[in-house]
C-alpha atoms as a PDB file:
ATOM      1  CA  MET A   1       0.000   0.000   0.000  1.00  0.00           C
ATOM      2  CA  SER A   2       1.372   3.421  -0.953  1.00  0.00           C
ATOM      3  CA  THR A   3       1.960   6.281   1.424  1.00  0.00           C
ATOM      4  CA  GLU A   4      -0.859   8.216  -0.271  1.00  0.00           C
ATOM      5  CA  GLU A   5      -3.262   5.299   0.182  1.00  0.00           C
ATOM      6  CA  THR A   6      -2.284   4.966   3.825  1.00  0.00           C
ATOM      7  CA  ALA A   7      -2.790   8.665   4.441  1.00  0.00           C
ATOM      8  CA  GLY A   8      -6.040   8.530   2.504  1.00  0.00           C
ATOM      9  CA  GLY A   9      -7.351   5.674   4.614  1.00  0.00           C
ATOM     10  CA  ALA A  10      -6.706   7.715   7.754  1.00  0.00           C
ATOM     11  CA  ARG A  11      -8.883  10.494   6.319  1.00  0.00           C
ATOM     12  CA  GLY A  12     -11.924   8.514   5.351  1.00  0.00           C
ATOM     13  CA  GLY A  13     -10.832   6.476   2.329  1.00  0.00           C
ATOM     14  CA  ARG A  14      -9.216   9.025   0.044  1.00  0.00           C
ATOM     15  CA  THR A  15      -7.115   6.927  -2.296  1.00  0.00           C
ATOM     16  CA  SER A  16      -6.380   9.165  -5.268  1.00  0.00           C
ATOM     17  CA  ALA A  17      -5.629  12.708  -6.335  1.00  0.00           C
ATOM     18  CA  ALA A  18      -9.077  12.838  -7.949  1.00  0.00           C
ATOM     19  CA  GLY A  19     -10.676  11.790  -4.687  1.00  0.00           C
ATOM     20  CA  SER A  20      -8.723  14.453  -2.863  1.00  0.00           C
ATOM     21  CA  ALA A  21      -9.917  17.112  -5.319  1.00  0.00           C
ATOM     22  CA  LEU A  22     -13.508  15.939  -4.950  1.00  0.00           C
ATOM     23  CA  GLU A  23     -13.306  16.032  -1.161  1.00  0.00           C
ATOM     24  CA  LYS A  24     -11.921  19.560  -1.260  1.00  0.00           C
ATOM     25  CA  SER A  25     -14.689  20.702  -3.596  1.00  0.00           C
ATOM     26  CA  LEU A  26     -17.378  19.193  -1.378  1.00  0.00           C
ATOM     27  CA  ARG A  27     -15.922  20.777   1.755  1.00  0.00           C
ATOM     28  CA  ILE A  28     -15.808  24.130  -0.010  1.00  0.00           C
ATOM     29  CA  LEU A  29     -19.448  23.759  -1.082  1.00  0.00           C
ATOM     30  CA  GLU A  30     -20.407  22.977   2.522  1.00  0.00           C
ATOM     31  CA  ALA A  31     -18.538  26.066   3.721  1.00  0.00           C
ATOM     32  CA  VAL A  32     -20.225  28.307   1.138  1.00  0.00           C
ATOM     33  CA  ALA A  33     -23.669  26.895   2.000  1.00  0.00           C
ATOM     34  CA  ALA A  34     -23.231  27.383   5.754  1.00  0.00           C
ATOM     35  CA  PRO A  35     -25.631  29.839   7.453  1.00  0.00           C
ATOM     36  CA  GLY A  36     -24.679  33.501   7.532  1.00  0.00           C
ATOM     37  CA  GLY A  37     -23.506  33.777   3.933  1.00  0.00           C
ATOM     38  CA  PRO A  38     -22.243  35.127   1.681  1.00  0.00           C
ATOM     39  CA  HIS A  39     -18.900  34.142   3.178  1.00  0.00           C
ATOM     40  CA  ARG A  40     -15.468  35.681   2.795  1.00  0.00           C
ATOM     41  CA  LEU A  41     -12.771  33.752   0.977  1.00  0.00           C
ATOM     42  CA  ALA A  42     -10.734  33.548   4.186  1.00  0.00           C
ATOM     43  CA  ASP A  43     -13.686  32.049   6.078  1.00  0.00           C
ATOM     44  CA  VAL A  44     -14.385  29.491   3.335  1.00  0.00           C
ATOM     45  CA  THR A  45     -10.719  28.526   3.309  1.00  0.00           C
ATOM     46  CA  ALA A  46     -10.645  28.045   7.077  1.00  0.00           C
ATOM     47  CA  ALA A  47     -13.945  26.151   7.268  1.00  0.00           C
ATOM     48  CA  ALA A  48     -13.038  23.819   4.408  1.00  0.00           C
ATOM     49  CA  ALA A  49      -9.445  23.317   5.614  1.00  0.00           C
ATOM     50  CA  VAL A  50      -8.202  23.821   2.059  1.00  0.00           C
ATOM     51  CA  PRO A  51      -5.229  26.045   1.087  1.00  0.00           C
ATOM     52  CA  LYS A  52      -6.250  29.496  -0.081  1.00  0.00           C
ATOM     53  CA  SER A  53      -4.872  29.075  -3.605  1.00  0.00           C
ATOM     54  CA  SER A  54      -6.737  25.791  -4.074  1.00  0.00           C
ATOM     55  CA  THR A  55      -9.919  27.240  -2.598  1.00  0.00           C
ATOM     56  CA  PHE A  56      -9.813  30.180  -4.999  1.00  0.00           C
ATOM     57  CA  ARG A  57      -9.248  27.893  -8.001  1.00  0.00           C
ATOM     58  CA  ILE A  58     -12.044  25.514  -7.021  1.00  0.00           C
ATOM     59  CA  LEU A  59     -14.430  28.394  -6.333  1.00  0.00           C
ATOM     60  CA  ALA A  60     -13.752  29.797  -9.807  1.00  0.00           C
ATOM     61  CA  SER A  61     -14.733  26.440 -11.329  1.00  0.00           C
ATOM     62  CA  LEU A  62     -17.844  26.161  -9.146  1.00  0.00           C
ATOM     63  CA  ILE A  63     -18.909  29.666 -10.167  1.00  0.00           C
ATOM     64  CA  GLU A  64     -18.589  28.798 -13.846  1.00  0.00           C
ATOM     65  CA  GLN A  65     -20.745  25.722 -13.312  1.00  0.00           C
ATOM     66  CA  GLY A  66     -23.396  27.654 -11.378  1.00  0.00           C
ATOM     67  CA  PHE A  67     -22.968  25.945  -7.999  1.00  0.00           C
ATOM     68  CA  VAL A  68     -21.489  29.058  -6.354  1.00  0.00           C
ATOM     69  CA  ARG A  69     -21.923  32.739  -7.112  1.00  0.00           C
ATOM     70  CA  SER A  70     -19.497  35.586  -6.509  1.00  0.00           C
ATOM     71  CA  GLU A  71     -20.948  38.394  -4.414  1.00  0.00           C
ATOM     72  CA  GLY A  72     -18.007  40.733  -4.948  1.00  0.00           C
ATOM     73  CA  ASP A  73     -15.528  41.880  -2.293  1.00  0.00           C
ATOM     74  CA  SER A  74     -14.176  38.287  -2.115  1.00  0.00           C
ATOM     75  CA  ARG A  75     -17.470  36.897  -0.808  1.00  0.00           C
ATOM     76  CA  TYR A  76     -19.217  33.790  -2.079  1.00  0.00           C
ATOM     77  CA  GLY A  77     -22.783  32.523  -1.865  1.00  0.00           C
ATOM     78  CA  VAL A  78     -24.918  29.606  -3.010  1.00  0.00           C
ATOM     79  CA  GLY A  79     -25.435  29.410  -6.783  1.00  0.00           C
ATOM     80  CA  PRO A  80     -28.565  28.417  -8.740  1.00  0.00           C
ATOM     81  CA  ARG A  81     -27.530  24.833  -9.483  1.00  0.00           C
ATOM     82  CA  LEU A  82     -26.877  24.127  -5.801  1.00  0.00           C
ATOM     83  CA  ARG A  83     -30.239  25.668  -4.925  1.00  0.00           C
ATOM     84  CA  GLY A  84     -31.868  23.465  -7.541  1.00  0.00           C
ATOM     85  CA  LEU A  85     -30.305  20.350  -6.031  1.00  0.00           C
ATOM     86  CA  SER A  86     -31.501  21.436  -2.597  1.00  0.00           C
ATOM     87  CA  ALA A  87     -35.044  21.872  -3.920  1.00  0.00           C
ATOM     88  CA  MET A  88     -35.046  18.397  -5.462  1.00  0.00           C
ATOM     89  CA  VAL A  89     -33.811  16.771  -2.260  1.00  0.00           C
ATOM     90  CA  SER A  90     -36.291  18.635  -0.065  1.00  0.00           C
ATOM     91  CA  GLY A  91     -39.226  17.906  -2.354  1.00  0.00           C
ATOM     92  CA  GLY A  92     -39.559  21.497  -3.520  1.00  0.00           C
ATOM     93  CA  GLU A  93     -40.016  22.681  -7.086  1.00  0.00           C
ATOM     94  CA  PRO A  94     -36.763  21.850  -8.926  1.00  0.00           C
ATOM     95  CA  ALA A  95     -37.735  23.541 -12.176  1.00  0.00           C
ATOM     96  CA  SER A  96     -38.466  27.033 -10.894  1.00  0.00           C
ATOM     97  CA  ILE A  97     -35.599  28.583 -12.856  1.00  0.00           C
ATOM     98  CA  GLU A  98     -36.504  26.455 -15.845  1.00  0.00           C
ATOM     99  CA  GLY A  99     -40.115  27.540 -15.501  1.00  0.00           C
ATOM    100  CA  VAL A 100     -39.284  31.243 -15.656  1.00  0.00           C
ATOM    101  CA  LEU A 101     -37.112  30.724 -18.712  1.00  0.00           C
ATOM    102  CA  ARG A 102     -39.737  28.545 -20.368  1.00  0.00           C
ATOM    103  CA  GLU A 103     -42.372  31.232 -19.871  1.00  0.00           C
ATOM    104  CA  LEU A 104     -40.086  33.800 -21.513  1.00  0.00           C
ATOM    105  CA  GLN A 105     -39.337  31.419 -24.384  1.00  0.00           C
ATOM    106  CA  GLN A 106     -43.028  30.700 -24.958  1.00  0.00           C
ATOM    107  CA  SER A 107     -44.071  34.343 -24.792  1.00  0.00           C
ATOM    108  CA  THR A 108     -41.477  35.400 -27.374  1.00  0.00           C
ATOM    109  CA  GLY A 109     -41.062  32.247 -29.447  1.00  0.00           C
ATOM    110  CA  GLN A 110     -37.310  32.917 -29.454  1.00  0.00           C
ATOM    111  CA  THR A 111     -34.218  31.261 -28.009  1.00  0.00           C
ATOM    112  CA  VAL A 112     -33.533  32.183 -24.380  1.00  0.00           C
ATOM    113  CA  HIS A 113     -30.190  32.125 -22.548  1.00  0.00           C
ATOM    114  CA  LEU A 114     -29.333  32.361 -18.860  1.00  0.00           C
ATOM    115  CA  ALA A 115     -25.708  33.195 -18.074  1.00  0.00           C
ATOM    116  CA  LEU A 116     -23.641  33.856 -14.972  1.00  0.00           C
ATOM    117  CA  HIS A 117     -20.923  36.475 -14.659  1.00  0.00           C
ATOM    118  CA  SER A 118     -17.389  35.262 -13.999  1.00  0.00           C
ATOM    119  CA  GLY A 119     -14.494  37.710 -14.275  1.00  0.00           C
ATOM    120  CA  GLU A 120     -14.063  38.887 -17.855  1.00  0.00           C
ATOM    121  CA  THR A 121     -16.693  36.535 -19.287  1.00  0.00           C
ATOM    122  CA  ILE A 122     -20.175  35.156 -18.953  1.00  0.00           C
ATOM    123  CA  THR A 123     -20.948  31.444 -18.901  1.00  0.00           C
ATOM    124  CA  TYR A 124     -24.196  30.105 -20.321  1.00  0.00           C
ATOM    125  CA  ILE A 125     -25.851  27.766 -17.807  1.00  0.00           C
ATOM    126  CA  ARG A 126     -29.231  27.383 -19.531  1.00  0.00           C
ATOM    127  CA  LYS A 127     -30.373  27.526 -23.154  1.00  0.00           C
ATOM    128  CA  LEU A 128     -33.918  27.007 -24.390  1.00  0.00           C
ATOM    129  CA  GLU A 129     -34.300  26.820 -28.151  1.00  0.00           C
ATOM    130  CA  GLY A 130     -37.011  28.948 -29.728  1.00  0.00           C
ATOM    131  CA  THR A 131     -39.763  27.849 -32.079  1.00  0.00           C
ATOM    132  CA  GLN A 132     -38.198  29.597 -35.058  1.00  0.00           C
ATOM    133  CA  PRO A 133     -36.563  27.465 -37.800  1.00  0.00           C
ATOM    134  CA  PHE A 134     -32.970  28.341 -36.862  1.00  0.00           C
ATOM    135  CA  ARG A 135     -30.369  27.293 -34.314  1.00  0.00           C
ATOM    136  CA  THR A 136     -27.580  29.369 -32.790  1.00  0.00           C
ATOM    137  CA  ALA A 137     -24.052  28.139 -32.126  1.00  0.00           C
ATOM    138  CA  SER A 138     -24.250  28.855 -28.393  1.00  0.00           C
ATOM    139  CA  ARG A 139     -24.381  25.991 -25.906  1.00  0.00           C
ATOM    140  CA  THR A 140     -24.552  25.441 -22.169  1.00  0.00           C
ATOM    141  CA  GLY A 141     -21.116  25.831 -20.603  1.00  0.00           C
ATOM    142  CA  MET A 142     -19.865  28.188 -23.317  1.00  0.00           C
ATOM    143  CA  ARG A 143     -17.955  31.249 -22.115  1.00  0.00           C
ATOM    144  CA  MET A 144     -18.404  34.517 -23.989  1.00  0.00           C
ATOM    145  CA  PRO A 145     -16.907  38.040 -23.766  1.00  0.00           C
ATOM    146  CA  LEU A 146     -18.788  40.715 -21.884  1.00  0.00           C
ATOM    147  CA  HIS A 147     -18.410  43.504 -24.426  1.00  0.00           C
ATOM    148  CA  THR A 148     -19.821  41.583 -27.419  1.00  0.00           C
ATOM    149  CA  THR A 149     -22.990  40.104 -25.903  1.00  0.00           C
ATOM    150  CA  ALA A 150     -26.288  41.587 -24.750  1.00  0.00           C
ATOM    151  CA  ILE A 151     -26.047  39.859 -21.373  1.00  0.00           C
ATOM    152  CA  GLY A 152     -22.430  40.936 -21.001  1.00  0.00           C
ATOM    153  CA  LYS A 153     -23.103  44.585 -21.782  1.00  0.00           C
ATOM    154  CA  SER A 154     -26.063  44.636 -19.396  1.00  0.00           C
ATOM    155  CA  ILE A 155     -23.721  43.345 -16.678  1.00  0.00           C
ATOM    156  CA  LEU A 156     -21.014  45.887 -17.530  1.00  0.00           C
ATOM    157  CA  ALA A 157     -23.574  48.679 -17.308  1.00  0.00           C
ATOM    158  CA  HIS A 158     -24.111  47.830 -13.622  1.00  0.00           C
ATOM    159  CA  LEU A 159     -20.436  47.539 -12.665  1.00  0.00           C
ATOM    160  CA  PRO A 160     -18.383  50.408 -11.193  1.00  0.00           C
ATOM    161  CA  ALA A 161     -16.512  52.493 -13.762  1.00  0.00           C
ATOM    162  CA  GLY A 162     -13.192  51.366 -12.317  1.00  0.00           C
ATOM    163  CA  GLU A 163     -13.969  47.706 -12.911  1.00  0.00           C
ATOM    164  CA  VAL A 164     -15.062  48.437 -16.470  1.00  0.00           C
ATOM    165  CA  ALA A 165     -11.781  50.273 -17.081  1.00  0.00           C
ATOM    166  CA  GLU A 166      -9.824  47.300 -15.722  1.00  0.00           C
ATOM    167  CA  LEU A 167     -11.699  44.930 -18.006  1.00  0.00           C
ATOM    168  CA  ILE A 168     -11.046  47.139 -21.035  1.00  0.00           C
ATOM    169  CA  ALA A 169      -7.343  47.223 -20.202  1.00  0.00           C
ATOM    170  CA  ALA A 170      -7.197  43.469 -19.618  1.00  0.00           C
ATOM    171  CA  THR A 171      -9.085  42.330 -22.717  1.00  0.00           C
ATOM    172  CA  GLY A 172      -8.351  45.050 -25.256  1.00  0.00           C
ATOM    173  CA  LEU A 173     -11.950  44.695 -26.532  1.00  0.00           C
ATOM    174  CA  PRO A 174     -11.182  42.323 -29.416  1.00  0.00           C
ATOM    175  CA  GLY A 175     -13.618  42.335 -32.319  1.00  0.00           C
ATOM    176  CA  ARG A 176     -15.675  39.293 -33.243  1.00  0.00           C
ATOM    177  CA  THR A 177     -17.615  40.909 -36.104  1.00  0.00           C
ATOM    178  CA  PRO A 178     -17.453  44.261 -37.929  1.00  0.00           C
ATOM    179  CA  ASN A 179     -20.154  45.508 -35.526  1.00  0.00           C
ATOM    180  CA  THR A 180     -18.271  44.771 -32.288  1.00  0.00           C
ATOM    181  CA  LEU A 181     -17.588  47.811 -30.113  1.00  0.00           C
ATOM    182  CA  THR A 182     -13.798  47.790 -29.939  1.00  0.00           C
ATOM    183  CA  THR A 183     -12.927  51.202 -28.470  1.00  0.00           C
ATOM    184  CA  PRO A 184     -13.363  52.319 -24.853  1.00  0.00           C
ATOM    185  CA  GLU A 185     -15.262  55.419 -25.978  1.00  0.00           C
ATOM    186  CA  ALA A 186     -17.798  53.456 -28.024  1.00  0.00           C
ATOM    187  CA  LEU A 187     -18.335  50.916 -25.247  1.00  0.00           C
ATOM    188  CA  ARG A 188     -18.802  53.540 -22.526  1.00  0.00           C
ATOM    189  CA  THR A 189     -21.324  55.416 -24.706  1.00  0.00           C
ATOM    190  CA  GLU A 190     -23.217  52.170 -25.242  1.00  0.00           C
ATOM    191  CA  LEU A 191     -23.210  51.319 -21.528  1.00  0.00           C
ATOM    192  CA  ALA A 192     -24.706  54.720 -20.733  1.00  0.00           C
ATOM    193  CA  ALA A 193     -27.498  53.969 -23.223  1.00  0.00           C
ATOM    194  CA  VAL A 194     -28.023  50.542 -21.613  1.00  0.00           C
ATOM    195  CA  ARG A 195     -28.460  52.133 -18.188  1.00  0.00           C
ATOM    196  CA  GLU A 196     -30.935  54.642 -19.602  1.00  0.00           C
ATOM    197  CA  ARG A 197     -33.197  52.154 -21.415  1.00  0.00           C
ATOM    198  CA  GLY A 198     -32.761  49.256 -18.986  1.00  0.00           C
ATOM    199  CA  PHE A 199     -31.589  46.608 -21.447  1.00  0.00           C
ATOM    200  CA  ALA A 200     -28.715  45.883 -23.819  1.00  0.00           C
ATOM    201  CA  LEU A 201     -28.697  44.919 -27.475  1.00  0.00           C
ATOM    202  CA  ASP A 202     -26.285  42.753 -29.410  1.00  0.00           C
ATOM    203  CA  ASP A 203     -26.838  43.769 -33.027  1.00  0.00           C
ATOM    204  CA  GLU A 204     -24.571  41.302 -34.863  1.00  0.00           C
ATOM    205  CA  GLU A 205     -21.742  42.259 -32.502  1.00  0.00           C
ATOM    206  CA  ASN A 206     -20.922  38.720 -31.410  1.00  0.00           C
ATOM    207  CA  GLU A 207     -22.090  36.636 -34.364  1.00  0.00           C
ATOM    208  CA  PRO A 208     -23.242  37.601 -37.884  1.00  0.00           C
ATOM    209  CA  THR A 209     -27.045  37.605 -38.452  1.00  0.00           C
ATOM    210  CA  ILE A 210     -27.707  37.207 -34.698  1.00  0.00           C
ATOM    211  CA  ARG A 211     -29.580  39.887 -32.773  1.00  0.00           C
ATOM    212  CA  CYS A 212     -30.174  39.699 -28.995  1.00  0.00           C
ATOM    213  CA  ILE A 213     -31.742  41.691 -26.199  1.00  0.00           C
ATOM    214  CA  GLY A 214     -30.427  41.143 -22.683  1.00  0.00           C
ATOM    215  CA  ALA A 215     -30.885  42.370 -19.125  1.00  0.00           C
ATOM    216  CA  ALA A 216     -28.864  41.844 -15.958  1.00  0.00           C
ATOM    217  CA  ILE A 217     -29.927  39.869 -12.913  1.00  0.00           C
ATOM    218  CA  LEU A 218     -28.963  41.781  -9.778  1.00  0.00           C
ATOM    219  CA  GLY A 219     -27.957  40.184  -6.490  1.00  0.00           C
ATOM    220  CA  PRO A 220     -29.024  41.372  -3.020  1.00  0.00           C
ATOM    221  CA  THR A 221     -26.316  44.056  -2.986  1.00  0.00           C
ATOM    222  CA  GLY A 222     -27.285  45.377  -6.414  1.00  0.00           C
ATOM    223  CA  ARG A 223     -24.275  43.799  -8.072  1.00  0.00           C
ATOM    224  CA  PRO A 224     -24.993  41.858 -11.291  1.00  0.00           C
ATOM    225  CA  VAL A 225     -24.648  38.097 -10.911  1.00  0.00           C
ATOM    226  CA  GLY A 226     -25.708  37.190 -14.440  1.00  0.00           C
ATOM    227  CA  GLY A 227     -28.331  37.933 -17.029  1.00  0.00           C
ATOM    228  CA  VAL A 228     -30.958  36.675 -19.450  1.00  0.00           C
ATOM    229  CA  SER A 229     -31.211  37.226 -23.187  1.00  0.00           C
ATOM    230  CA  VAL A 230     -33.665  36.627 -25.990  1.00  0.00           C
ATOM    231  CA  THR A 231     -31.897  35.667 -29.224  1.00  0.00           C
ATOM    232  CA  THR A 232     -33.213  36.125 -32.764  1.00  0.00           C
ATOM    233  CA  VAL A 233     -31.929  36.379 -36.320  1.00  0.00           C
ATOM    234  CA  THR A 234     -31.756  39.696 -38.111  1.00  0.00           C
ATOM    235  CA  PHE A 235     -33.624  38.512 -41.203  1.00  0.00           C
ATOM    236  CA  LEU A 236     -36.701  37.502 -39.166  1.00  0.00           C
ATOM    237  CA  VAL A 237     -36.858  40.010 -36.298  1.00  0.00           C
ATOM    238  CA  SER A 238     -36.115  43.723 -36.608  1.00  0.00           C
ATOM    239  CA  ARG A 239     -34.453  45.820 -33.938  1.00  0.00           C
ATOM    240  CA  LYS A 240     -37.778  47.489 -33.136  1.00  0.00           C
ATOM    241  CA  GLU A 241     -39.481  44.110 -32.802  1.00  0.00           C
ATOM    242  CA  ILE A 242     -36.846  42.693 -30.472  1.00  0.00           C
ATOM    243  CA  GLU A 243     -37.026  45.764 -28.229  1.00  0.00           C
ATOM    244  CA  ALA A 244     -40.696  44.908 -27.689  1.00  0.00           C
ATOM    245  CA  TYR A 245     -39.523  41.850 -25.709  1.00  0.00           C
ATOM    246  CA  ALA A 246     -38.112  44.117 -22.971  1.00  0.00           C
ATOM    247  CA  PRO A 247     -41.098  43.906 -20.559  1.00  0.00           C
ATOM    248  CA  ALA A 248     -41.135  40.088 -20.658  1.00  0.00           C
ATOM    249  CA  LEU A 249     -37.346  40.052 -20.276  1.00  0.00           C
ATOM    250  CA  HIS A 250     -37.467  42.297 -17.205  1.00  0.00           C
ATOM    251  CA  ALA A 251     -40.194  40.154 -15.650  1.00  0.00           C
ATOM    252  CA  ALA A 252     -37.912  37.131 -16.069  1.00  0.00           C
ATOM    253  CA  THR A 253     -34.837  38.799 -14.541  1.00  0.00           C
ATOM    254  CA  HIS A 254     -36.840  40.026 -11.561  1.00  0.00           C
ATOM    255  CA  ALA A 255     -38.320  36.556 -11.021  1.00  0.00           C
ATOM    256  CA  LEU A 256     -34.904  34.903 -11.250  1.00  0.00           C
ATOM    257  CA  ALA A 257     -33.064  37.290  -8.936  1.00  0.00           C
ATOM    258  CA  PRO A 258     -34.138  35.572  -5.658  1.00  0.00           C
ATOM    259  CA  MET A 259     -33.235  32.164  -7.111  1.00  0.00           C
ATOM    260  CA  LEU A 260     -29.647  33.100  -7.953  1.00  0.00           C
END
């Protein structure tokens, strides 16, 4: 028997590096879900008995997967996927998030995305295809830039100016299509318009022929945790027509906020 196996047996049967990583992740989830959250990184690290660097790395992965959410100021709370698991175990309604998204999809007939914010990107955690005869390239788990997407721009519009400046400096605002906003001046002008009208538009800025409307989901502190978008194609839905989805979109983001 190896030294690692012997040590693992003394700690409840851990016999591999994979098992060790799983144990750490589970302890971190328990620490995040403990009463009194959201919890500081230092408190999660201490409660989980995991080194700070490992805790930070595991938390980043859990945020991307929707099990944990970042509350800003190095604090972490329970994410939507963990809440969904809790609802299923307790006999509650496991499809509450799905139900809100389904209602939005049915009322618009278009593809609906739910994404969470993580650093310089968003990560799609839900996608419901519309009834229209087209399919988009997006998929659950895909990470996308903030400045090219409707959800991303709606999130940026709710972040402090300093954080937006840091993101611009870090990413350089690379273009994905000829319509992408690639200068700080153009992006800041657009974000001001987003704040004024209450939603963001992606008018072929991330993908040719794709037009989206998006709005941020705000956490308890008013910080954006993610967003929802309605996705269409330019040759079927005009800009004026997609803007008419704004009331249904806002109803969805407001309904989802307590669940995230």
